[in-house]
Amino acid sequence: MIGLGRTISLISGAVLFAAPFAVSASPVELPEKAQTAEVLFLGEQHDNPQHHEIQAKWVKHLSPRAIVFEMLTPEQAANVTTENRQDESALEANLGWQEAGWPDFGMYFPIFAAAPEAAIVGAGVPRDQIRALMEDDLTQIIGLENAQRFALDRPLPDAQQNARETLQREAHCNALPEDMLPMMVDVQRLRDAALAQAALDAVEQFGAPVIVITGNGHAREDWGAPHLLRQAAPDLEVFSVGLGEAGQTPDGGFGFVLDAQPVDRGDPCEAFN
């Protein structure tokens, strides 16, 4: 066992950090709560290849009944077949991956291949819903019942709203108009709710365990999709893993955190200059 702040080598050269509670440090044994969770969120930095290697290893070890992808809309996920998921090029083409703008599919394909029998579920929010947020509120977009299920029918506490607007401002290199920031927060809330709903539907349709592949920002436990899922289904066993870089733990709290080598991204704000 390891205590808070100590590390040990794990898969692919990654290191494991203790969560706020003690966890198993064995390279071949995942934390018990991760192994028994009905829904397991695996965070990532989208462009970090090592994060996807780690995810694929966890998926293979846990053999989920379904895998929920933030990167796929339900319509894209419906294009996955037993045949095309065995061929990287065919699957990429059928998903329209390049057109969607996500990083290299070669990093993600091993996750699909790691559990060939698992159902593939899309939790991506269609672009028309995102565009609609420019004129409508969250309740109008997803309906009152769904909005109430995930507390989207009421405003966030002021401190959280301000914190989330600050994150959006910084993520876009201070280039966004101030009056656009609340909408960007709503987009994130909508995506969190879509992930939580997709995970809940997957458990009901396919059974547990279900693994959710998503960015660290959506996998955070304080206000991300795991938080919304617990609100909607408090009896569901939910666990969340964050994937950091170079010792930097992702914000938001996780049941378990892994660290990996960083990616050289150059100046991320250059595109805004």
Protein backbone atom coordinates (compact mmCIF):
# COMPACT_ATOMS: atom_id res chain seq x y z
CA MET A 1 0.00 0.00 0.00
CA ILE A 2 1.14 3.58 -0.51
CA GLY A 3 0.24 6.79 1.22
CA LEU A 4 -0.60 10.20 -0.14
CA GLY A 5 2.18 11.74 -2.18
CA ARG A 6 4.25 8.60 -2.80
CA THR A 7 4.61 7.06 -6.25
CA ILE A 8 5.39 3.71 -7.81
CA SER A 9 6.11 2.61 -11.39
CA LEU A 10 3.11 1.31 -13.31
CA ILE A 11 2.30 0.47 -16.92
CA SER A 12 4.09 2.11 -19.85
CA GLY A 13 6.46 4.03 -17.60
CA ALA A 14 3.60 5.86 -15.92
CA VAL A 15 3.54 6.42 -12.20
CA LEU A 16 0.68 6.06 -9.81
CA PHE A 17 -0.22 8.67 -7.22
CA ALA A 18 -2.19 7.84 -4.11
CA ALA A 19 -5.69 9.25 -4.05
CA PRO A 20 -7.12 10.89 -0.91
CA PHE A 21 -7.54 7.32 0.35
CA ALA A 22 -4.97 4.51 0.21
CA VAL A 23 -4.95 2.42 -2.96
CA SER A 24 -3.21 -0.69 -4.20
CA ALA A 25 0.20 -0.05 -5.74
CA SER A 26 0.61 -3.38 -7.53
CA PRO A 27 1.24 -3.05 -11.28
CA VAL A 28 -1.13 -5.96 -11.94
CA GLU A 29 -3.87 -5.13 -9.46
CA LEU A 30 -6.14 -2.13 -9.93
CA PRO A 31 -7.75 -0.44 -6.92
CA GLU A 32 -10.61 -2.54 -5.61
CA LYS A 33 -13.11 0.28 -6.04
CA ALA A 34 -12.10 0.61 -9.69
CA GLN A 35 -12.48 -3.12 -10.26
CA THR A 36 -15.94 -3.24 -8.70
CA ALA A 37 -17.32 0.05 -10.03
CA GLU A 38 -20.38 -0.15 -12.21
CA VAL A 39 -19.23 2.95 -14.08
CA LEU A 40 -15.52 3.80 -14.36
CA PHE A 41 -14.47 7.16 -15.79
CA LEU A 42 -11.01 7.20 -17.38
CA GLY A 43 -9.79 10.75 -17.93
CA GLU A 44 -7.15 11.90 -20.39
CA GLN A 45 -5.34 14.74 -22.06
CA HIS A 46 -6.66 14.14 -25.55
CA ASP A 47 -3.31 14.44 -27.34
CA ASN A 48 -1.19 12.37 -24.94
CA PRO A 49 -0.43 8.93 -26.45
CA GLN A 50 0.62 7.47 -23.12
CA HIS A 51 -2.75 8.30 -21.60
CA HIS A 52 -4.43 6.25 -24.29
CA GLU A 53 -2.04 3.35 -23.75
CA ILE A 54 -3.01 3.36 -20.09
CA GLN A 55 -6.71 3.51 -20.92
CA ALA A 56 -6.41 0.58 -23.32
CA LYS A 57 -4.67 -1.53 -20.66
CA TRP A 58 -7.37 -0.76 -18.11
CA VAL A 59 -10.11 -1.54 -20.64
CA LYS A 60 -8.49 -4.88 -21.49
CA HIS A 61 -8.11 -5.79 -17.82
CA LEU A 62 -11.68 -4.92 -16.86
CA SER A 63 -13.51 -6.25 -19.96
CA PRO A 64 -16.39 -3.74 -19.80
CA ARG A 65 -19.82 -4.53 -21.18
CA ALA A 66 -19.85 -1.12 -22.86
CA ILE A 67 -17.43 1.75 -23.55
CA VAL A 68 -18.79 5.28 -23.66
CA PHE A 69 -16.77 7.77 -25.73
CA GLU A 70 -16.94 11.53 -25.36
CA MET A 71 -15.45 11.70 -28.87
CA LEU A 72 -18.40 9.99 -30.61
CA THR A 73 -21.94 11.17 -31.09
CA PRO A 74 -24.63 8.48 -30.86
CA GLU A 75 -24.90 8.56 -34.65
CA GLN A 76 -21.18 7.90 -35.07
CA ALA A 77 -21.21 5.10 -32.51
CA ALA A 78 -24.01 3.41 -34.43
CA ASN A 79 -21.59 3.02 -37.36
CA VAL A 80 -19.34 0.66 -35.38
CA THR A 81 -19.75 -2.96 -36.48
CA THR A 82 -18.11 -6.23 -35.54
CA GLU A 83 -16.29 -6.17 -38.87
CA ASN A 84 -15.01 -2.59 -39.09
CA ARG A 85 -13.83 -2.41 -35.48
CA GLN A 86 -11.20 -5.04 -36.35
CA ASP A 87 -9.58 -2.73 -38.91
CA GLU A 88 -8.16 0.62 -37.81
CA SER A 89 -8.51 2.34 -41.19
CA ALA A 90 -12.02 1.04 -41.79
CA LEU A 91 -13.20 2.06 -38.34
CA GLU A 92 -11.68 5.52 -38.62
CA ALA A 93 -13.39 6.05 -41.97
CA ASN A 94 -16.78 4.81 -40.76
CA LEU A 95 -16.62 7.07 -37.73
CA GLY A 96 -15.65 10.14 -39.73
CA TRP A 97 -12.97 10.65 -37.10
CA GLN A 98 -10.76 13.05 -39.01
CA GLU A 99 -13.65 15.34 -39.85
CA ALA A 100 -14.58 15.57 -36.17
CA GLY A 101 -11.21 17.15 -35.34
CA TRP A 102 -10.00 14.80 -32.60
CA PRO A 103 -6.29 13.85 -32.32
CA ASP A 104 -4.81 10.93 -34.29
CA PHE A 105 -7.16 7.93 -34.28
CA GLY A 106 -4.13 5.65 -33.98
CA MET A 107 -4.00 6.64 -30.29
CA TYR A 108 -7.64 5.68 -29.73
CA PHE A 109 -7.96 2.50 -31.78
CA PRO A 110 -6.27 0.27 -29.16
CA ILE A 111 -9.06 1.20 -26.74
CA PHE A 112 -11.65 -0.16 -29.19
CA ALA A 113 -9.53 -3.25 -29.78
CA ALA A 114 -8.96 -3.93 -26.07
CA ALA A 115 -12.56 -5.06 -25.51
CA PRO A 116 -13.83 -6.35 -28.86
CA GLU A 117 -17.13 -7.58 -27.41
CA ALA A 118 -18.01 -4.34 -25.62
CA ALA A 119 -20.82 -2.18 -26.96
CA ILE A 120 -19.63 1.23 -28.22
CA VAL A 121 -21.73 4.14 -26.99
CA GLY A 122 -21.47 7.75 -28.17
CA ALA A 123 -21.94 10.58 -25.68
CA GLY A 124 -20.81 13.46 -27.87
CA VAL A 125 -23.19 16.42 -28.04
CA PRO A 126 -24.33 17.10 -31.63
CA ARG A 127 -23.14 20.42 -33.03
CA ASP A 128 -26.68 21.68 -33.58
CA GLN A 129 -27.35 21.46 -29.84
CA ILE A 130 -24.17 23.40 -29.11
CA ARG A 131 -25.11 26.07 -31.63
CA ALA A 132 -28.58 26.28 -30.11
CA LEU A 133 -27.07 27.35 -26.78
CA MET A 134 -26.34 30.71 -28.38
CA GLU A 135 -30.07 31.42 -28.22
CA ASP A 136 -31.67 28.88 -25.86
CA ASP A 137 -30.94 27.77 -22.31
CA LEU A 138 -30.03 24.25 -21.21
CA THR A 139 -33.58 23.33 -20.23
CA GLN A 140 -34.87 24.16 -23.70
CA ILE A 141 -32.10 22.13 -25.32
CA ILE A 142 -32.54 18.85 -23.44
CA GLY A 143 -36.02 19.16 -21.92
CA LEU A 144 -37.12 19.87 -18.36
CA GLU A 145 -36.96 16.27 -17.11
CA ASN A 146 -33.37 15.72 -18.22
CA ALA A 147 -32.37 19.17 -17.03
CA GLN A 148 -33.78 18.47 -13.58
CA ARG A 149 -32.10 15.05 -13.43
CA PHE A 150 -28.69 16.69 -13.76
CA ALA A 151 -29.48 20.01 -12.06
CA LEU A 152 -29.17 21.92 -15.32
CA ASP A 153 -32.45 23.68 -14.63
CA ARG A 154 -30.82 25.99 -12.07
CA PRO A 155 -27.75 28.22 -12.09
CA LEU A 156 -24.43 27.14 -10.62
CA PRO A 157 -23.26 28.61 -7.31
CA ASP A 158 -21.54 31.92 -7.97
CA ALA A 159 -18.11 30.68 -6.91
CA GLN A 160 -18.29 27.67 -9.23
CA GLN A 161 -19.65 29.74 -12.14
CA ASN A 162 -16.79 32.20 -11.74
CA ALA A 163 -14.21 29.42 -11.49
CA ARG A 164 -15.53 27.72 -14.59
CA GLU A 165 -15.60 30.95 -16.56
CA THR A 166 -12.00 31.55 -15.55
CA LEU A 167 -11.07 28.09 -16.82
CA GLN A 168 -12.75 28.80 -20.15
CA ARG A 169 -11.04 32.18 -20.39
CA GLU A 170 -7.62 30.63 -19.78
CA ALA A 171 -8.25 27.63 -22.03
CA HIS A 172 -8.96 30.03 -24.89
CA CYS A 173 -5.94 32.23 -24.12
CA ASN A 174 -8.07 35.20 -23.02
CA ALA A 175 -9.28 35.54 -26.61
CA LEU A 176 -13.01 35.01 -26.04
CA PRO A 177 -15.41 37.91 -25.49
CA GLU A 178 -16.44 38.06 -21.84
CA ASP A 179 -20.12 37.73 -22.69
CA MET A 180 -19.41 34.39 -24.40
CA LEU A 181 -17.95 32.72 -21.30
CA PRO A 182 -21.27 31.79 -19.65
CA MET A 183 -22.31 29.97 -22.83
CA MET A 184 -19.02 28.08 -22.89
CA VAL A 185 -19.69 26.93 -19.32
CA ASP A 186 -23.14 25.79 -20.41
CA VAL A 187 -21.56 23.77 -23.21
CA GLN A 188 -19.38 21.97 -20.66
CA ARG A 189 -22.36 21.33 -18.40
CA LEU A 190 -24.28 19.92 -21.35
CA ARG A 191 -21.39 17.61 -22.24
CA ASP A 192 -21.08 16.46 -18.62
CA ALA A 193 -24.78 15.63 -18.57
CA ALA A 194 -24.57 13.80 -21.90
CA LEU A 195 -21.74 11.63 -20.56
CA ALA A 196 -23.63 10.89 -17.34
CA GLN A 197 -26.81 10.01 -19.23
CA ALA A 198 -24.97 7.81 -21.73
CA ALA A 199 -23.24 5.94 -18.90
CA LEU A 200 -26.54 5.43 -17.08
CA ASP A 201 -28.26 4.21 -20.25
CA ALA A 202 -25.35 1.86 -20.99
CA VAL A 203 -25.57 0.24 -17.55
CA GLU A 204 -29.30 -0.26 -17.97
CA GLN A 205 -29.00 -1.64 -21.50
CA PHE A 206 -25.79 -3.67 -21.38
CA GLY A 207 -25.04 -4.14 -17.70
CA ALA A 208 -21.93 -3.30 -15.70
CA PRO A 209 -19.13 -2.51 -15.84
CA VAL A 210 -19.23 0.48 -18.16
CA ILE A 211 -16.07 2.48 -18.90
CA VAL A 212 -16.27 6.13 -19.95
CA ILE A 213 -13.42 7.58 -22.04
CA THR A 214 -13.32 11.34 -21.66
CA GLY A 215 -11.15 14.34 -20.92
CA ASN A 216 -9.99 15.01 -17.38
CA GLY A 217 -12.23 18.06 -17.22
CA HIS A 218 -15.32 15.92 -17.66
CA ALA A 219 -14.04 13.11 -15.41
CA ARG A 220 -13.44 15.38 -12.40
CA GLU A 221 -15.46 14.43 -9.36
CA ASP A 222 -16.28 17.85 -7.95
CA TRP A 223 -18.54 19.04 -10.78
CA GLY A 224 -17.97 16.79 -13.82
CA ALA A 225 -19.91 13.86 -15.20
CA PRO A 226 -19.25 11.54 -12.20
CA HIS A 227 -20.79 14.18 -9.91
CA LEU A 228 -23.88 14.47 -12.11
CA LEU A 229 -24.19 10.70 -12.40
CA ARG A 230 -24.10 10.28 -8.63
CA GLN A 231 -26.81 12.90 -8.29
CA ALA A 232 -29.03 11.13 -10.80
CA ALA A 233 -28.30 7.56 -9.59
CA PRO A 234 -26.97 7.70 -6.01
CA ASP A 235 -26.96 3.90 -5.64
CA LEU A 236 -24.70 3.41 -8.67
CA GLU A 237 -21.06 2.56 -7.91
CA VAL A 238 -19.02 5.21 -9.73
CA PHE A 239 -15.24 5.62 -9.80
CA SER A 240 -13.09 8.18 -11.58
CA VAL A 241 -9.46 8.09 -12.71
CA GLY A 242 -7.51 11.18 -13.69
CA LEU A 243 -4.43 11.10 -15.93
CA GLY A 244 -1.83 13.76 -15.29
CA GLU A 245 1.45 14.83 -16.83
CA ALA A 246 4.90 15.36 -15.30
CA GLY A 247 3.60 15.24 -11.75
CA GLN A 248 0.79 17.72 -12.34
CA THR A 249 -2.41 16.25 -10.92
CA PRO A 250 -5.55 17.23 -12.86
CA ASP A 251 -7.90 19.60 -11.08
CA GLY A 252 -11.20 18.49 -9.64
CA GLY A 253 -10.48 15.44 -7.51
CA PHE A 254 -10.33 11.78 -8.56
CA GLY A 255 -10.52 8.44 -6.82
CA PHE A 256 -7.21 7.47 -8.43
CA VAL A 257 -4.59 9.40 -10.39
CA LEU A 258 -1.93 8.25 -12.85
CA ASP A 259 0.93 10.36 -14.14
CA ALA A 260 2.60 10.12 -17.55
CA GLN A 261 5.20 11.88 -19.65
CA PRO A 262 4.08 15.27 -21.01
CA VAL A 263 3.50 16.14 -24.65
CA ASP A 264 5.37 19.01 -26.29
CA ARG A 265 2.52 21.25 -27.44
CA GLY A 266 4.58 24.33 -28.21
CA ASP A 267 2.73 27.56 -27.53
CA PRO A 268 -0.98 26.66 -27.31
CA CYS A 269 -1.93 30.32 -27.61
CA GLU A 270 -0.07 30.92 -30.88
CA ALA A 271 -3.22 30.18 -32.89
CA PHE A 272 -5.00 33.06 -31.11
CA ASN A 273 -2.30 35.63 -31.92
